[in-house]
PDB file of all heavy atoms in Angstrom:
ATOM      1  N   GLY A   1      -8.007  22.694   5.443  1.00  0.00           N
ATOM      2  CA  GLY A   1      -7.023  22.421   4.373  1.00  0.00           C
ATOM      3  C   GLY A   1      -6.208  21.192   4.750  1.00  0.00           C
ATOM      4  O   GLY A   1      -5.909  20.366   3.871  1.00  0.00           O
ATOM      5  N   ALA A   2      -5.758  21.127   5.991  1.00  0.00           N
ATOM      6  CA  ALA A   2      -4.903  20.011   6.434  1.00  0.00           C
ATOM      7  C   ALA A   2      -5.735  18.687   6.333  1.00  0.00           C
ATOM      8  O   ALA A   2      -5.229  17.631   5.933  1.00  0.00           O
ATOM      9  CB  ALA A   2      -4.452  20.261   7.884  1.00  0.00           C
ATOM     10  N   ALA A   3      -7.022  18.777   6.697  1.00  0.00           N
ATOM     11  CA  ALA A   3      -7.872  17.567   6.620  1.00  0.00           C
ATOM     12  C   ALA A   3      -8.064  17.097   5.167  1.00  0.00           C
ATOM     13  O   ALA A   3      -8.012  15.896   4.910  1.00  0.00           O
ATOM     14  CB  ALA A   3      -9.196  17.859   7.278  1.00  0.00           C
ATOM     15  N   LEU A   4      -8.267  18.067   4.287  1.00  0.00           N
ATOM     16  CA  LEU A   4      -8.419  17.717   2.849  1.00  0.00           C
ATOM     17  C   LEU A   4      -7.171  17.135   2.276  1.00  0.00           C
ATOM     18  O   LEU A   4      -7.221  16.194   1.535  1.00  0.00           O
ATOM     19  CB  LEU A   4      -8.853  18.923   2.073  1.00  0.00           C
ATOM     20  CG  LEU A   4      -9.107  18.679   0.581  1.00  0.00           C
ATOM     21  CD1 LEU A   4     -10.228  17.691   0.356  1.00  0.00           C
ATOM     22  CD2 LEU A   4      -9.436  19.991  -0.171  1.00  0.00           C
ATOM     23  N   LEU A   5      -6.026  17.749   2.651  1.00  0.00           N
ATOM     24  CA  LEU A   5      -4.752  17.249   2.114  1.00  0.00           C
ATOM     25  C   LEU A   5      -4.506  15.825   2.584  1.00  0.00           C
ATOM     26  O   LEU A   5      -4.041  14.979   1.805  1.00  0.00           O
ATOM     27  CB  LEU A   5      -3.608  18.138   2.685  1.00  0.00           C
ATOM     28  CG  LEU A   5      -2.157  17.855   2.110  1.00  0.00           C
ATOM     29  CD1 LEU A   5      -2.148  18.138   0.634  1.00  0.00           C
ATOM     30  CD2 LEU A   5      -1.185  18.768   2.894  1.00  0.00           C
ATOM     31  N   SER A   6      -4.843  15.469   3.821  1.00  0.00           N
ATOM     32  CA  SER A   6      -4.699  14.179   4.328  1.00  0.00           C
ATOM     33  C   SER A   6      -5.641  13.207   3.626  1.00  0.00           C
ATOM     34  O   SER A   6      -5.271  12.089   3.297  1.00  0.00           O
ATOM     35  CB  SER A   6      -4.937  14.123   5.832  1.00  0.00           C
ATOM     36  OG  SER A   6      -4.877  12.845   6.380  1.00  0.00           O
ATOM     37  N   ALA A   7      -6.875  13.649   3.443  1.00  0.00           N
ATOM     38  CA  ALA A   7      -7.910  12.780   2.851  1.00  0.00           C
ATOM     39  C   ALA A   7      -7.546  12.396   1.445  1.00  0.00           C
ATOM     40  O   ALA A   7      -7.914  11.317   0.928  1.00  0.00           O
ATOM     41  CB  ALA A   7      -9.244  13.466   2.936  1.00  0.00           C
ATOM     42  N   MET A   8      -6.911  13.313   0.650  1.00  0.00           N
ATOM     43  CA  MET A   8      -6.725  13.059  -0.758  1.00  0.00           C
ATOM     44  C   MET A   8      -5.263  12.492  -1.049  1.00  0.00           C
ATOM     45  O   MET A   8      -4.990  12.265  -2.204  1.00  0.00           O
ATOM     46  CB  MET A   8      -6.915  14.340  -1.568  1.00  0.00           C
ATOM     47  CG  MET A   8      -5.880  15.402  -1.325  1.00  0.00           C
ATOM     48  SD  MET A   8      -6.201  16.868  -2.418  1.00  0.00           S
ATOM     49  CE  MET A   8      -6.082  16.131  -4.073  1.00  0.00           C
ATOM     50  N   GLU A   9      -4.506  12.263  -0.036  1.00  0.00           N
ATOM     51  CA  GLU A   9      -3.151  11.810  -0.239  1.00  0.00           C
ATOM     52  C   GLU A   9      -3.086  10.487  -1.075  1.00  0.00           C
ATOM     53  O   GLU A   9      -2.305  10.330  -1.991  1.00  0.00           O
ATOM     54  CB  GLU A   9      -2.402  11.653   1.100  1.00  0.00           C
ATOM     55  CG  GLU A   9      -0.977  11.147   0.889  1.00  0.00           C
ATOM     56  CD  GLU A   9      -0.198  11.090   2.191  1.00  0.00           C
ATOM     57  OE1 GLU A   9      -0.726  11.350   3.242  1.00  0.00           O
ATOM     58  OE2 GLU A   9       1.009  10.676   2.113  1.00  0.00           O
ATOM     59  N   ALA A  10      -3.930   9.527  -0.684  1.00  0.00           N
ATOM     60  CA  ALA A  10      -3.883   8.242  -1.345  1.00  0.00           C
ATOM     61  C   ALA A  10      -4.288   8.364  -2.844  1.00  0.00           C
ATOM     62  O   ALA A  10      -3.632   7.796  -3.706  1.00  0.00           O
ATOM     63  CB  ALA A  10      -4.891   7.260  -0.696  1.00  0.00           C
ATOM     64  N   SER A  11      -5.249   9.227  -3.097  1.00  0.00           N
ATOM     65  CA  SER A  11      -5.705   9.441  -4.511  1.00  0.00           C
ATOM     66  C   SER A  11      -4.618  10.163  -5.274  1.00  0.00           C
ATOM     67  O   SER A  11      -4.375   9.830  -6.454  1.00  0.00           O
ATOM     68  CB  SER A  11      -6.967  10.228  -4.546  1.00  0.00           C
ATOM     69  OG  SER A  11      -8.061   9.501  -3.904  1.00  0.00           O
ATOM     70  N   ALA A  12      -3.961  11.130  -4.688  1.00  0.00           N
ATOM     71  CA  ALA A  12      -2.918  11.919  -5.355  1.00  0.00           C
ATOM     72  C   ALA A  12      -1.749  10.986  -5.684  1.00  0.00           C
ATOM     73  O   ALA A  12      -1.130  11.040  -6.770  1.00  0.00           O
ATOM     74  CB  ALA A  12      -2.451  13.083  -4.526  1.00  0.00           C
ATOM     75  N   ARG A  13      -1.363  10.188  -4.670  1.00  0.00           N
ATOM     76  CA  ARG A  13      -0.240   9.236  -4.929  1.00  0.00           C
ATOM     77  C   ARG A  13      -0.634   8.234  -6.052  1.00  0.00           C
ATOM     78  O   ARG A  13       0.214   7.864  -6.861  1.00  0.00           O
ATOM     79  CB  ARG A  13       0.059   8.484  -3.641  1.00  0.00           C
ATOM     80  CG  ARG A  13       0.824   9.244  -2.590  1.00  0.00           C
ATOM     81  CD  ARG A  13       1.096   8.413  -1.355  1.00  0.00           C
ATOM     82  NE  ARG A  13       1.921   9.144  -0.444  1.00  0.00           N
ATOM     83  CZ  ARG A  13       3.247   9.241  -0.366  1.00  0.00           C
ATOM     84  NH1 ARG A  13       3.944   8.562  -1.319  1.00  0.00           N
ATOM     85  NH2 ARG A  13       3.888   9.932   0.513  1.00  0.00           N
ATOM     86  N   ALA A  14      -1.888   7.798  -6.102  1.00  0.00           N
ATOM     87  CA  ALA A  14      -2.294   6.935  -7.134  1.00  0.00           C
ATOM     88  C   ALA A  14      -2.158   7.543  -8.526  1.00  0.00           C
ATOM     89  O   ALA A  14      -1.807   6.880  -9.531  1.00  0.00           O
ATOM     90  CB  ALA A  14      -3.757   6.507  -6.906  1.00  0.00           C
ATOM     91  N   ALA A  15      -2.422   8.832  -8.617  1.00  0.00           N
ATOM     92  CA  ALA A  15      -2.337   9.546  -9.907  1.00  0.00           C
ATOM     93  C   ALA A  15      -0.848   9.569 -10.316  1.00  0.00           C
ATOM     94  O   ALA A  15      -0.546   9.368 -11.484  1.00  0.00           O
ATOM     95  CB  ALA A  15      -2.854  10.976  -9.724  1.00  0.00           C
ATOM     96  N   HIS A  16       0.010   9.856  -9.357  1.00  0.00           N
ATOM     97  CA  HIS A  16       1.486   9.814  -9.705  1.00  0.00           C
ATOM     98  C   HIS A  16       1.941   8.448 -10.107  1.00  0.00           C
ATOM     99  O   HIS A  16       2.714   8.291 -11.057  1.00  0.00           O
ATOM    100  CB  HIS A  16       2.270  10.396  -8.525  1.00  0.00           C
ATOM    101  CG  HIS A  16       2.218  11.858  -8.398  1.00  0.00           C
ATOM    102  ND1 HIS A  16       3.062  12.686  -9.103  1.00  0.00           N
ATOM    103  CD2 HIS A  16       1.412  12.645  -7.585  1.00  0.00           C
ATOM    104  CE1 HIS A  16       2.795  13.951  -8.734  1.00  0.00           C
ATOM    105  NE2 HIS A  16       1.776  13.932  -7.868  1.00  0.00           N
ATOM    106  N   GLU A  17       1.457   7.448  -9.388  1.00  0.00           N
ATOM    107  CA  GLU A  17       1.837   6.063  -9.711  1.00  0.00           C
ATOM    108  C   GLU A  17       1.298   5.687 -11.119  1.00  0.00           C
ATOM    109  O   GLU A  17       2.015   5.038 -11.918  1.00  0.00           O
ATOM    110  CB  GLU A  17       1.292   5.119  -8.657  1.00  0.00           C
ATOM    111  CG  GLU A  17       1.932   5.224  -7.314  1.00  0.00           C
ATOM    112  CD  GLU A  17       3.413   4.770  -7.345  1.00  0.00           C
ATOM    113  OE1 GLU A  17       3.707   3.776  -8.043  1.00  0.00           O
ATOM    114  OE2 GLU A  17       4.230   5.402  -6.658  1.00  0.00           O
ATOM    115  N   ALA A  18       0.145   6.075 -11.423  1.00  0.00           N
ATOM    116  CA  ALA A  18      -0.500   5.758 -12.696  1.00  0.00           C
ATOM    117  C   ALA A  18       0.222   6.433 -13.828  1.00  0.00           C
ATOM    118  O   ALA A  18       0.307   5.870 -14.950  1.00  0.00           O
ATOM    119  CB  ALA A  18      -1.980   6.161 -12.734  1.00  0.00           C
ATOM    120  N   THR A  19       0.824   7.575 -13.564  1.00  0.00           N
ATOM    121  CA  THR A  19       1.581   8.289 -14.649  1.00  0.00           C
ATOM    122  C   THR A  19       2.778   7.476 -15.170  1.00  0.00           C
ATOM    123  O   THR A  19       3.102   7.504 -16.323  1.00  0.00           O
ATOM    124  CB  THR A  19       2.076   9.631 -14.094  1.00  0.00           C
ATOM    125  OG1 THR A  19       0.960  10.420 -13.598  1.00  0.00           O
ATOM    126  CG2 THR A  19       2.801  10.423 -15.154  1.00  0.00           C
ATOM    127  N   VAL A  20       3.387   6.714 -14.203  1.00  0.00           N
ATOM    128  CA  VAL A  20       4.580   5.976 -14.586  1.00  0.00           C
ATOM    129  C   VAL A  20       4.302   4.402 -14.495  1.00  0.00           C
ATOM    130  O   VAL A  20       5.293   3.638 -14.348  1.00  0.00           O
ATOM    131  CB  VAL A  20       5.808   6.370 -13.748  1.00  0.00           C
ATOM    132  CG1 VAL A  20       6.249   7.752 -14.077  1.00  0.00           C
ATOM    133  CG2 VAL A  20       5.531   6.270 -12.247  1.00  0.00           C
ATOM    134  N   GLU A  21       3.110   4.002 -14.611  1.00  0.00           N
ATOM    135  CA  GLU A  21       2.756   2.569 -14.384  1.00  0.00           C
ATOM    136  C   GLU A  21       3.339   1.671 -15.430  1.00  0.00           C
ATOM    137  O   GLU A  21       3.513   0.473 -15.238  1.00  0.00           O
ATOM    138  CB  GLU A  21       1.269   2.420 -14.297  1.00  0.00           C
ATOM    139  CG  GLU A  21       0.494   2.693 -15.614  1.00  0.00           C
ATOM    140  CD  GLU A  21      -0.973   2.482 -15.458  1.00  0.00           C
ATOM    141  OE1 GLU A  21      -1.393   2.034 -14.364  1.00  0.00           O
ATOM    142  OE2 GLU A  21      -1.705   2.782 -16.411  1.00  0.00           O
ATOM    143  N   ALA A  22       3.753   2.276 -16.585  1.00  0.00           N
ATOM    144  CA  ALA A  22       4.354   1.397 -17.603  1.00  0.00           C
ATOM    145  C   ALA A  22       5.750   0.978 -17.298  1.00  0.00           C
ATOM    146  O   ALA A  22       6.305   0.116 -17.992  1.00  0.00           O
ATOM    147  CB  ALA A  22       4.327   2.170 -18.945  1.00  0.00           C
ATOM    148  N   LEU A  23       6.349   1.596 -16.258  1.00  0.00           N
ATOM    149  CA  LEU A  23       7.704   1.247 -15.830  1.00  0.00           C
ATOM    150  C   LEU A  23       7.690   0.356 -14.613  1.00  0.00           C
ATOM    151  O   LEU A  23       6.840   0.500 -13.747  1.00  0.00           O
ATOM    152  CB  LEU A  23       8.486   2.563 -15.502  1.00  0.00           C
ATOM    153  CG  LEU A  23       8.513   3.605 -16.611  1.00  0.00           C
ATOM    154  CD1 LEU A  23       9.260   4.858 -16.102  1.00  0.00           C
ATOM    155  CD2 LEU A  23       9.104   3.118 -17.915  1.00  0.00           C
ATOM    156  N   ASN A  24       8.723  -0.524 -14.548  1.00  0.00           N
ATOM    157  CA  ASN A  24       8.865  -1.308 -13.332  1.00  0.00           C
ATOM    158  C   ASN A  24       9.525  -0.511 -12.223  1.00  0.00           C
ATOM    159  O   ASN A  24       9.915   0.635 -12.472  1.00  0.00           O
ATOM    160  CB  ASN A  24       9.577  -2.608 -13.609  1.00  0.00           C
ATOM    161  CG  ASN A  24      10.989  -2.410 -14.068  1.00  0.00           C
ATOM    162  OD1 ASN A  24      11.744  -1.530 -13.566  1.00  0.00           O
ATOM    163  ND2 ASN A  24      11.453  -3.286 -14.974  1.00  0.00           N
ATOM    164  N   ALA A  25       9.700  -1.065 -11.035  1.00  0.00           N
ATOM    165  CA  ALA A  25      10.220  -0.285  -9.935  1.00  0.00           C
ATOM    166  C   ALA A  25      11.580   0.290 -10.199  1.00  0.00           C
ATOM    167  O   ALA A  25      11.897   1.481  -9.863  1.00  0.00           O
ATOM    168  CB  ALA A  25      10.300  -1.225  -8.692  1.00  0.00           C
ATOM    169  N   ASP A  26      12.508  -0.480 -10.735  1.00  0.00           N
ATOM    170  CA  ASP A  26      13.837  -0.062 -11.084  1.00  0.00           C
ATOM    171  C   ASP A  26      13.877   1.068 -12.125  1.00  0.00           C
ATOM    172  O   ASP A  26      14.548   2.102 -12.025  1.00  0.00           O
ATOM    173  CB  ASP A  26      14.749  -1.199 -11.568  1.00  0.00           C
ATOM    174  CG  ASP A  26      15.045  -2.152 -10.419  1.00  0.00           C
ATOM    175  OD1 ASP A  26      14.982  -1.752  -9.201  1.00  0.00           O
ATOM    176  OD2 ASP A  26      15.440  -3.311 -10.753  1.00  0.00           O
ATOM    177  N   GLU A  27      13.021   0.887 -13.115  1.00  0.00           N
ATOM    178  CA  GLU A  27      12.877   1.894 -14.198  1.00  0.00           C
ATOM    179  C   GLU A  27      12.293   3.213 -13.651  1.00  0.00           C
ATOM    180  O   GLU A  27      12.754   4.293 -14.053  1.00  0.00           O
ATOM    181  CB  GLU A  27      12.016   1.337 -15.310  1.00  0.00           C
ATOM    182  CG  GLU A  27      12.664   0.238 -16.117  1.00  0.00           C
ATOM    183  CD  GLU A  27      11.684  -0.404 -17.092  1.00  0.00           C
ATOM    184  OE1 GLU A  27      10.478  -0.398 -16.817  1.00  0.00           O
ATOM    185  OE2 GLU A  27      12.184  -0.992 -18.101  1.00  0.00           O
ATOM    186  N   ARG A  28      11.368   3.097 -12.726  1.00  0.00           N
ATOM    187  CA  ARG A  28      10.816   4.332 -12.157  1.00  0.00           C
ATOM    188  C   ARG A  28      11.868   5.126 -11.373  1.00  0.00           C
ATOM    189  O   ARG A  28      11.960   6.297 -11.452  1.00  0.00           O
ATOM    190  CB  ARG A  28       9.652   3.969 -11.185  1.00  0.00           C
ATOM    191  CG  ARG A  28       8.421   3.455 -11.915  1.00  0.00           C
ATOM    192  CD  ARG A  28       7.291   3.189 -10.954  1.00  0.00           C
ATOM    193  NE  ARG A  28       6.230   2.442 -11.564  1.00  0.00           N
ATOM    194  CZ  ARG A  28       5.039   2.182 -11.011  1.00  0.00           C
ATOM    195  NH1 ARG A  28       4.786   2.646  -9.782  1.00  0.00           N
ATOM    196  NH2 ARG A  28       4.149   1.485 -11.632  1.00  0.00           N
ATOM    197  N   ALA A  29      12.644   4.356 -10.609  1.00  0.00           N
ATOM    198  CA  ALA A  29      13.702   5.010  -9.820  1.00  0.00           C
ATOM    199  C   ALA A  29      14.701   5.702 -10.763  1.00  0.00           C
ATOM    200  O   ALA A  29      15.147   6.873 -10.513  1.00  0.00           O
ATOM    201  CB  ALA A  29      14.417   4.001  -8.940  1.00  0.00           C
ATOM    202  N   THR A  30      15.096   5.056 -11.822  1.00  0.00           N
ATOM    203  CA  THR A  30      15.993   5.589 -12.785  1.00  0.00           C
ATOM    204  C   THR A  30      15.399   6.844 -13.455  1.00  0.00           C
ATOM    205  O   THR A  30      16.053   7.870 -13.655  1.00  0.00           O
ATOM    206  CB  THR A  30      16.413   4.592 -13.851  1.00  0.00           C
ATOM    207  OG1 THR A  30      17.022   3.460 -13.220  1.00  0.00           O
ATOM    208  CG2 THR A  30      17.354   5.202 -14.847  1.00  0.00           C
ATOM    209  N   PHE A  31      14.106   6.686 -13.885  1.00  0.00           N
ATOM    210  CA  PHE A  31      13.429   7.776 -14.537  1.00  0.00           C
ATOM    211  C   PHE A  31      13.370   9.058 -13.672  1.00  0.00           C
ATOM    212  O   PHE A  31      13.682  10.125 -14.143  1.00  0.00           O
ATOM    213  CB  PHE A  31      11.973   7.274 -14.845  1.00  0.00           C
ATOM    214  CG  PHE A  31      11.172   8.338 -15.589  1.00  0.00           C
ATOM    215  CD1 PHE A  31      11.544   8.811 -16.819  1.00  0.00           C
ATOM    216  CD2 PHE A  31      10.002   8.791 -15.037  1.00  0.00           C
ATOM    217  CE1 PHE A  31      10.777   9.718 -17.522  1.00  0.00           C
ATOM    218  CE2 PHE A  31       9.199   9.765 -15.697  1.00  0.00           C
ATOM    219  CZ  PHE A  31       9.618  10.214 -16.924  1.00  0.00           C
ATOM    220  N   LEU A  32      13.052   8.866 -12.388  1.00  0.00           N
ATOM    221  CA  LEU A  32      12.963   9.959 -11.455  1.00  0.00           C
ATOM    222  C   LEU A  32      14.315  10.664 -11.278  1.00  0.00           C
ATOM    223  O   LEU A  32      14.442  11.869 -11.183  1.00  0.00           O
ATOM    224  CB  LEU A  32      12.373   9.549 -10.087  1.00  0.00           C
ATOM    225  CG  LEU A  32      10.879   9.263 -10.092  1.00  0.00           C
ATOM    226  CD1 LEU A  32      10.480   8.691  -8.702  1.00  0.00           C
ATOM    227  CD2 LEU A  32      10.112  10.525 -10.370  1.00  0.00           C
ATOM    228  N   GLU A  33      15.345   9.826 -11.165  1.00  0.00           N
ATOM    229  CA  GLU A  33      16.723  10.412 -10.995  1.00  0.00           C
ATOM    230  C   GLU A  33      17.133  11.172 -12.225  1.00  0.00           C
ATOM    231  O   GLU A  33      17.706  12.247 -12.142  1.00  0.00           O
ATOM    232  CB  GLU A  33      17.699   9.272 -10.760  1.00  0.00           C
ATOM    233  CG  GLU A  33      17.672   8.694  -9.351  1.00  0.00           C
ATOM    234  CD  GLU A  33      17.757   9.746  -8.250  1.00  0.00           C
ATOM    235  OE1 GLU A  33      18.670  10.595  -8.371  1.00  0.00           O
ATOM    236  OE2 GLU A  33      16.997   9.766  -7.324  1.00  0.00           O
ATOM    237  N   LEU A  34      16.738  10.663 -13.414  1.00  0.00           N
ATOM    238  CA  LEU A  34      17.077  11.408 -14.605  1.00  0.00           C
ATOM    239  C   LEU A  34      16.287  12.726 -14.732  1.00  0.00           C
ATOM    240  O   LEU A  34      16.821  13.748 -15.141  1.00  0.00           O
ATOM    241  CB  LEU A  34      16.834  10.565 -15.849  1.00  0.00           C
ATOM    242  CG  LEU A  34      17.752   9.351 -16.028  1.00  0.00           C
ATOM    243  CD1 LEU A  34      17.321   8.447 -17.210  1.00  0.00           C
ATOM    244  CD2 LEU A  34      19.218   9.779 -16.229  1.00  0.00           C
ATOM    245  N   LEU A  35      15.050  12.684 -14.366  1.00  0.00           N
ATOM    246  CA  LEU A  35      14.214  13.876 -14.358  1.00  0.00           C
ATOM    247  C   LEU A  35      14.807  14.908 -13.382  1.00  0.00           C
ATOM    248  O   LEU A  35      14.935  16.131 -13.701  1.00  0.00           O
ATOM    249  CB  LEU A  35      12.741  13.571 -13.958  1.00  0.00           C
ATOM    250  CG  LEU A  35      11.888  12.926 -14.982  1.00  0.00           C
ATOM    251  CD1 LEU A  35      10.489  12.576 -14.371  1.00  0.00           C
ATOM    252  CD2 LEU A  35      11.736  13.780 -16.210  1.00  0.00           C
ATOM    253  N   LYS A  36      15.214  14.447 -12.184  1.00  0.00           N
ATOM    254  CA  LYS A  36      15.822  15.394 -11.230  1.00  0.00           C
ATOM    255  C   LYS A  36      17.039  16.043 -11.785  1.00  0.00           C
ATOM    256  O   LYS A  36      17.361  17.200 -11.578  1.00  0.00           O
ATOM    257  CB  LYS A  36      16.095  14.624  -9.941  1.00  0.00           C
ATOM    258  CG  LYS A  36      14.869  14.223  -9.152  1.00  0.00           C
ATOM    259  CD  LYS A  36      15.308  13.384  -7.976  1.00  0.00           C
ATOM    260  CE  LYS A  36      14.096  12.777  -7.235  1.00  0.00           C
ATOM    261  NZ  LYS A  36      14.521  11.911  -6.061  1.00  0.00           N
ATOM    262  N   ARG A  37      17.888  15.249 -12.470  1.00  0.00           N
ATOM    263  CA  ARG A  37      19.112  15.721 -13.012  1.00  0.00           C
ATOM    264  C   ARG A  37      18.854  16.828 -14.061  1.00  0.00           C
ATOM    265  O   ARG A  37      19.479  17.852 -14.086  1.00  0.00           O
ATOM    266  CB  ARG A  37      19.935  14.631 -13.622  1.00  0.00           C
ATOM    267  CG  ARG A  37      21.346  15.042 -14.072  1.00  0.00           C
ATOM    268  CD  ARG A  37      22.020  13.938 -14.897  1.00  0.00           C
ATOM    269  NE  ARG A  37      22.095  12.694 -14.205  1.00  0.00           N
ATOM    270  CZ  ARG A  37      22.580  11.559 -14.768  1.00  0.00           C
ATOM    271  NH1 ARG A  37      23.048  11.565 -16.015  1.00  0.00           N
ATOM    272  NH2 ARG A  37      22.597  10.432 -14.076  1.00  0.00           N
ATOM    273  N   VAL A  38      17.880  16.550 -14.959  1.00  0.00           N
ATOM    274  CA  VAL A  38      17.593  17.526 -15.998  1.00  0.00           C
ATOM    275  C   VAL A  38      17.005  18.802 -15.397  1.00  0.00           C
ATOM    276  O   VAL A  38      17.476  19.913 -15.768  1.00  0.00           O
ATOM    277  CB  VAL A  38      16.512  16.905 -16.967  1.00  0.00           C
ATOM    278  CG1 VAL A  38      16.046  17.975 -17.994  1.00  0.00           C
ATOM    279  CG2 VAL A  38      17.154  15.774 -17.757  1.00  0.00           C
ATOM    280  N   VAL A  39      16.076  18.655 -14.453  1.00  0.00           N
ATOM    281  CA  VAL A  39      15.480  19.819 -13.839  1.00  0.00           C
ATOM    282  C   VAL A  39      16.541  20.637 -13.057  1.00  0.00           C
ATOM    283  O   VAL A  39      16.554  21.848 -13.095  1.00  0.00           O
ATOM    284  CB  VAL A  39      14.349  19.432 -12.881  1.00  0.00           C
ATOM    285  CG1 VAL A  39      13.871  20.593 -12.048  1.00  0.00           C
ATOM    286  CG2 VAL A  39      13.165  18.846 -13.706  1.00  0.00           C
ATOM    287  N   SER A  40      17.394  19.932 -12.386  1.00  0.00           N
ATOM    288  CA  SER A  40      18.485  20.604 -11.553  1.00  0.00           C
ATOM    289  C   SER A  40      19.420  21.369 -12.488  1.00  0.00           C
ATOM    290  O   SER A  40      19.861  22.452 -12.097  1.00  0.00           O
ATOM    291  CB  SER A  40      19.251  19.507 -10.735  1.00  0.00           C
ATOM    292  OG  SER A  40      20.274  20.172 -10.033  1.00  0.00           O
ATOM    293  N   ALA A  41      19.697  20.867 -13.676  1.00  0.00           N
ATOM    294  CA  ALA A  41      20.623  21.491 -14.569  1.00  0.00           C
ATOM    295  C   ALA A  41      20.023  22.753 -15.071  1.00  0.00           C
ATOM    296  O   ALA A  41      20.792  23.663 -15.527  1.00  0.00           O
ATOM    297  CB  ALA A  41      20.870  20.552 -15.783  1.00  0.00           C
ATOM    298  N   HIS A  42      18.742  22.957 -14.992  1.00  0.00           N
ATOM    299  CA  HIS A  42      18.116  24.205 -15.411  1.00  0.00           C
ATOM    300  C   HIS A  42      17.435  24.961 -14.238  1.00  0.00           C
ATOM    301  O   HIS A  42      16.526  25.744 -14.446  1.00  0.00           O
ATOM    302  CB  HIS A  42      16.986  23.893 -16.457  1.00  0.00           C
ATOM    303  CG  HIS A  42      17.524  23.286 -17.738  1.00  0.00           C
ATOM    304  ND1 HIS A  42      18.224  23.954 -18.670  1.00  0.00           N
ATOM    305  CD2 HIS A  42      17.498  21.976 -18.168  1.00  0.00           C
ATOM    306  CE1 HIS A  42      18.558  23.105 -19.650  1.00  0.00           C
ATOM    307  NE2 HIS A  42      18.166  21.931 -19.354  1.00  0.00           N
TER     308      HIS A  42
END
């Protein structure tokens, strides 16, 4: 399991990056902070 987790890390990160690829670096940071705030509130 540990070996598989390590092997797929780059691909998993790429999926997360692709999810928000329409945003620039600053927008992504802001988007994540807003998501955290909403989730934390609930």
